[in-house]
Amino acid sequence: MQLFAATKPAVAERAGFRFEGVLRQHLWLQGQAHDAACYSLLAIEWAARQPAQP
């Protein structure tokens, strides 16, 4: 997952994603470079967060 300036990192972190790093000058929008924050979530981490199925 990549987050941009308009997105709040707390949303990704509450969902269980972990911060991995920043891609510097990853995007060019209207002639300006923008950084992107990268987050990850492994399938096993996602499964651990889900309620048990009856």
PDB file of N, CA and C in Angstrom:
ATOM      1  N   MET A   1       0.843  -1.158   0.000  1.00  0.00           N
ATOM      2  CA  MET A   1       0.000   0.000   0.000  1.00  0.00           C
ATOM      3  C   MET A   1       0.893   1.227   0.000  1.00  0.00           C
ATOM      4  N   GLN A   2       0.513   2.209  -0.807  1.00  0.00           N
ATOM      5  CA  GLN A   2       1.242   3.464  -0.831  1.00  0.00           C
ATOM      6  C   GLN A   2       0.313   4.576  -0.392  1.00  0.00           C
ATOM      7  N   LEU A   3       0.802   5.409   0.505  1.00  0.00           N
ATOM      8  CA  LEU A   3       0.019   6.546   0.983  1.00  0.00           C
ATOM      9  C   LEU A   3       0.650   7.832   0.488  1.00  0.00           C
ATOM     10  N   PHE A   4      -0.186   8.789   0.206  1.00  0.00           N
ATOM     11  CA  PHE A   4       0.285  10.073  -0.270  1.00  0.00           C
ATOM     12  C   PHE A   4      -0.097  11.140   0.748  1.00  0.00           C
ATOM     13  N   ALA A   5       0.320  12.361   0.538  1.00  0.00           N
ATOM     14  CA  ALA A   5       0.165  13.432   1.530  1.00  0.00           C
ATOM     15  C   ALA A   5      -1.269  13.583   2.031  1.00  0.00           C
ATOM     16  N   ALA A   6      -2.251  13.339   1.183  1.00  0.00           N
ATOM     17  CA  ALA A   6      -3.646  13.555   1.577  1.00  0.00           C
ATOM     18  C   ALA A   6      -4.183  12.439   2.464  1.00  0.00           C
ATOM     19  N   THR A   7      -3.462  11.333   2.569  1.00  0.00           N
ATOM     20  CA  THR A   7      -3.924  10.184   3.331  1.00  0.00           C
ATOM     21  C   THR A   7      -3.282  10.191   4.718  1.00  0.00           C
ATOM     22  N   LYS A   8      -4.056   9.851   5.727  1.00  0.00           N
ATOM     23  CA  LYS A   8      -3.546   9.826   7.096  1.00  0.00           C
ATOM     24  C   LYS A   8      -2.901   8.472   7.400  1.00  0.00           C
ATOM     25  N   PRO A   9      -1.636   8.446   7.823  1.00  0.00           N
ATOM     26  CA  PRO A   9      -0.978   7.183   8.177  1.00  0.00           C
ATOM     27  C   PRO A   9      -1.693   6.432   9.285  1.00  0.00           C
ATOM     28  N   ALA A  10      -2.359   7.125  10.194  1.00  0.00           N
ATOM     29  CA  ALA A  10      -3.040   6.465  11.310  1.00  0.00           C
ATOM     30  C   ALA A  10      -4.118   5.510  10.819  1.00  0.00           C
ATOM     31  N   VAL A  11      -4.737   5.802   9.694  1.00  0.00           N
ATOM     32  CA  VAL A  11      -5.771   4.918   9.141  1.00  0.00           C
ATOM     33  C   VAL A  11      -5.159   3.577   8.776  1.00  0.00           C
ATOM     34  N   ALA A  12      -4.039   3.581   8.079  1.00  0.00           N
ATOM     35  CA  ALA A  12      -3.365   2.338   7.695  1.00  0.00           C
ATOM     36  C   ALA A  12      -2.892   1.581   8.927  1.00  0.00           C
ATOM     37  N   GLU A  13      -2.348   2.291   9.896  1.00  0.00           N
ATOM     38  CA  GLU A  13      -1.828   1.640  11.098  1.00  0.00           C
ATOM     39  C   GLU A  13      -2.951   1.018  11.927  1.00  0.00           C
ATOM     40  N   ARG A  14      -4.112   1.673  11.997  1.00  0.00           N
ATOM     41  CA  ARG A  14      -5.251   1.089  12.725  1.00  0.00           C
ATOM     42  C   ARG A  14      -5.742  -0.179  12.041  1.00  0.00           C
ATOM     43  N   ALA A  15      -5.566  -0.241  10.725  1.00  0.00           N
ATOM     44  CA  ALA A  15      -5.992  -1.427   9.975  1.00  0.00           C
ATOM     45  C   ALA A  15      -4.964  -2.554  10.078  1.00  0.00           C
ATOM     46  N   GLY A  16      -3.829  -2.303  10.729  1.00  0.00           N
ATOM     47  CA  GLY A  16      -2.831  -3.342  10.936  1.00  0.00           C
ATOM     48  C   GLY A  16      -1.628  -3.269  10.018  1.00  0.00           C
ATOM     49  N   PHE A  17      -1.588  -2.280   9.131  1.00  0.00           N
ATOM     50  CA  PHE A  17      -0.447  -2.142   8.228  1.00  0.00           C
ATOM     51  C   PHE A  17       0.760  -1.623   8.985  1.00  0.00           C
ATOM     52  N   ARG A  18       1.948  -2.014   8.511  1.00  0.00           N
ATOM     53  CA  ARG A  18       3.203  -1.568   9.116  1.00  0.00           C
ATOM     54  C   ARG A  18       3.939  -0.666   8.135  1.00  0.00           C
ATOM     55  N   PHE A  19       4.515   0.397   8.666  1.00  0.00           N
ATOM     56  CA  PHE A  19       5.278   1.330   7.846  1.00  0.00           C
ATOM     57  C   PHE A  19       6.552   0.653   7.353  1.00  0.00           C
ATOM     58  N   GLU A  20       6.809   0.725   6.055  1.00  0.00           N
ATOM     59  CA  GLU A  20       7.996   0.103   5.458  1.00  0.00           C
ATOM     60  C   GLU A  20       9.046   1.132   5.046  1.00  0.00           C
ATOM     61  N   GLY A  21       8.608   2.281   4.587  1.00  0.00           N
ATOM     62  CA  GLY A  21       9.570   3.298   4.158  1.00  0.00           C
ATOM     63  C   GLY A  21       8.920   4.323   3.248  1.00  0.00           C
ATOM     64  N   VAL A  22       9.768   5.193   2.705  1.00  0.00           N
ATOM     65  CA  VAL A  22       9.289   6.273   1.842  1.00  0.00           C
ATOM     66  C   VAL A  22       9.941   6.150   0.473  1.00  0.00           C
ATOM     67  N   LEU A  23       9.126   6.247  -0.564  1.00  0.00           N
ATOM     68  CA  LEU A  23       9.632   6.328  -1.932  1.00  0.00           C
ATOM     69  C   LEU A  23       9.735   7.811  -2.264  1.00  0.00           C
ATOM     70  N   ARG A  24      10.954   8.308  -2.266  1.00  0.00           N
ATOM     71  CA  ARG A  24      11.161   9.736  -2.460  1.00  0.00           C
ATOM     72  C   ARG A  24      10.951  10.109  -3.919  1.00  0.00           C
ATOM     73  N   GLN A  25      10.257  11.192  -4.146  1.00  0.00           N
ATOM     74  CA  GLN A  25       9.938  11.712  -5.476  1.00  0.00           C
ATOM     75  C   GLN A  25       9.351  10.621  -6.368  1.00  0.00           C
ATOM     76  N   HIS A  26       8.442   9.854  -5.812  1.00  0.00           N
ATOM     77  CA  HIS A  26       7.841   8.723  -6.515  1.00  0.00           C
ATOM     78  C   HIS A  26       6.806   9.157  -7.549  1.00  0.00           C
ATOM     79  N   LEU A  27       6.100  10.234  -7.269  1.00  0.00           N
ATOM     80  CA  LEU A  27       5.047  10.706  -8.160  1.00  0.00           C
ATOM     81  C   LEU A  27       5.351  12.101  -8.670  1.00  0.00           C
ATOM     82  N   TRP A  28       4.961  12.312  -9.896  1.00  0.00           N
ATOM     83  CA  TRP A  28       5.043  13.663 -10.460  1.00  0.00           C
ATOM     84  C   TRP A  28       3.636  14.100 -10.796  1.00  0.00           C
ATOM     85  N   LEU A  29       3.154  15.132 -10.109  1.00  0.00           N
ATOM     86  CA  LEU A  29       1.817  15.674 -10.333  1.00  0.00           C
ATOM     87  C   LEU A  29       1.933  17.168 -10.587  1.00  0.00           C
ATOM     88  N   GLN A  30       1.414  17.596 -11.693  1.00  0.00           N
ATOM     89  CA  GLN A  30       1.426  19.008 -12.066  1.00  0.00           C
ATOM     90  C   GLN A  30       2.820  19.609 -11.962  1.00  0.00           C
ATOM     91  N   GLY A  31       3.812  18.854 -12.419  1.00  0.00           N
ATOM     92  CA  GLY A  31       5.183  19.344 -12.463  1.00  0.00           C
ATOM     93  C   GLY A  31       5.924  19.333 -11.140  1.00  0.00           C
ATOM     94  N   GLN A  32       5.347  18.724 -10.097  1.00  0.00           N
ATOM     95  CA  GLN A  32       6.014  18.668  -8.802  1.00  0.00           C
ATOM     96  C   GLN A  32       6.178  17.224  -8.353  1.00  0.00           C
ATOM     97  N   ALA A  33       7.329  16.952  -7.731  1.00  0.00           N
ATOM     98  CA  ALA A  33       7.599  15.607  -7.211  1.00  0.00           C
ATOM     99  C   ALA A  33       6.961  15.449  -5.840  1.00  0.00           C
ATOM    100  N   HIS A  34       6.418  14.257  -5.587  1.00  0.00           N
ATOM    101  CA  HIS A  34       5.790  13.950  -4.300  1.00  0.00           C
ATOM    102  C   HIS A  34       6.311  12.605  -3.798  1.00  0.00           C
ATOM    103  N   ASP A  35       6.492  12.508  -2.484  1.00  0.00           N
ATOM    104  CA  ASP A  35       6.922  11.265  -1.855  1.00  0.00           C
ATOM    105  C   ASP A  35       5.710  10.368  -1.610  1.00  0.00           C
ATOM    106  N   ALA A  36       5.967   9.063  -1.495  1.00  0.00           N
ATOM    107  CA  ALA A  36       4.911   8.105  -1.170  1.00  0.00           C
ATOM    108  C   ALA A  36       5.395   7.244   0.002  1.00  0.00           C
ATOM    109  N   ALA A  37       4.569   7.115   1.023  1.00  0.00           N
ATOM    110  CA  ALA A  37       4.881   6.251   2.166  1.00  0.00           C
ATOM    111  C   ALA A  37       4.363   4.850   1.857  1.00  0.00           C
ATOM    112  N   CYS A  38       5.181   3.836   2.114  1.00  0.00           N
ATOM    113  CA  CYS A  38       4.802   2.456   1.817  1.00  0.00           C
ATOM    114  C   CYS A  38       4.486   1.703   3.112  1.00  0.00           C
ATOM    115  N   TYR A  39       3.372   0.990   3.081  1.00  0.00           N
ATOM    116  CA  TYR A  39       2.932   0.177   4.204  1.00  0.00           C
ATOM    117  C   TYR A  39       2.668  -1.236   3.712  1.00  0.00           C
ATOM    118  N   SER A  40       2.808  -2.215   4.591  1.00  0.00           N
ATOM    119  CA  SER A  40       2.561  -3.598   4.200  1.00  0.00           C
ATOM    120  C   SER A  40       1.764  -4.324   5.275  1.00  0.00           C
ATOM    121  N   LEU A  41       1.118  -5.390   4.839  1.00  0.00           N
ATOM    122  CA  LEU A  41       0.368  -6.260   5.738  1.00  0.00           C
ATOM    123  C   LEU A  41       0.436  -7.665   5.161  1.00  0.00           C
ATOM    124  N   LEU A  42       1.016  -8.591   5.914  1.00  0.00           N
ATOM    125  CA  LEU A  42       1.113  -9.973   5.459  1.00  0.00           C
ATOM    126  C   LEU A  42      -0.228 -10.682   5.631  1.00  0.00           C
ATOM    127  N   ALA A  43      -0.473 -11.670   4.801  1.00  0.00           N
ATOM    128  CA  ALA A  43      -1.726 -12.423   4.868  1.00  0.00           C
ATOM    129  C   ALA A  43      -1.915 -13.044   6.254  1.00  0.00           C
ATOM    130  N   ILE A  44      -0.865 -13.537   6.850  1.00  0.00           N
ATOM    131  CA  ILE A  44      -0.966 -14.159   8.181  1.00  0.00           C
ATOM    132  C   ILE A  44      -1.322 -13.118   9.237  1.00  0.00           C
ATOM    133  N   GLU A  45      -0.830 -11.867   9.079  1.00  0.00           N
ATOM    134  CA  GLU A  45      -1.176 -10.795  10.010  1.00  0.00           C
ATOM    135  C   GLU A  45      -2.650 -10.409   9.859  1.00  0.00           C
ATOM    136  N   TRP A  46      -3.134 -10.385   8.626  1.00  0.00           N
ATOM    137  CA  TRP A  46      -4.538 -10.065   8.370  1.00  0.00           C
ATOM    138  C   TRP A  46      -5.437 -11.145   8.970  1.00  0.00           C
ATOM    139  N   ALA A  47      -5.086 -12.402   8.760  1.00  0.00           N
ATOM    140  CA  ALA A  47      -5.878 -13.516   9.278  1.00  0.00           C
ATOM    141  C   ALA A  47      -5.938 -13.484  10.806  1.00  0.00           C
ATOM    142  N   ALA A  48      -4.851 -13.094  11.440  1.00  0.00           N
ATOM    143  CA  ALA A  48      -4.820 -13.036  12.895  1.00  0.00           C
ATOM    144  C   ALA A  48      -5.746 -11.948  13.440  1.00  0.00           C
ATOM    145  N   ARG A  49      -6.024 -10.934  12.652  1.00  0.00           N
ATOM    146  CA  ARG A  49      -6.876  -9.819  13.087  1.00  0.00           C
ATOM    147  C   ARG A  49      -8.358 -10.109  12.879  1.00  0.00           C
ATOM    148  N   GLN A  50      -8.685 -11.124  12.098  1.00  0.00           N
ATOM    149  CA  GLN A  50     -10.080 -11.425  11.777  1.00  0.00           C
ATOM    150  C   GLN A  50     -10.715 -12.281  12.882  1.00  0.00           C
ATOM    151  N   PRO A  51     -11.997 -12.070  13.167  1.00  0.00           N
ATOM    152  CA  PRO A  51     -12.664 -12.903  14.171  1.00  0.00           C
ATOM    153  C   PRO A  51     -12.754 -14.348  13.705  1.00  0.00           C
ATOM    154  N   ALA A  52     -12.735 -15.247  14.636  1.00  0.00           N
ATOM    155  CA  ALA A  52     -12.814 -16.685  14.307  1.00  0.00           C
ATOM    156  C   ALA A  52     -14.169 -16.987  13.667  1.00  0.00           C
ATOM    157  N   GLN A  53     -14.159 -17.862  12.660  1.00  0.00           N
ATOM    158  CA  GLN A  53     -15.384 -18.253  11.984  1.00  0.00           C
ATOM    159  C   GLN A  53     -16.041 -19.409  12.744  1.00  0.00           C
ATOM    160  N   PRO A  54     -17.350 -19.323  12.982  1.00  0.00           N
ATOM    161  CA  PRO A  54     -18.025 -20.410  13.731  1.00  0.00           C
ATOM    162  C   PRO A  54     -18.128 -21.687  12.922  1.00  0.00           C
TER     163      PRO A  54
END
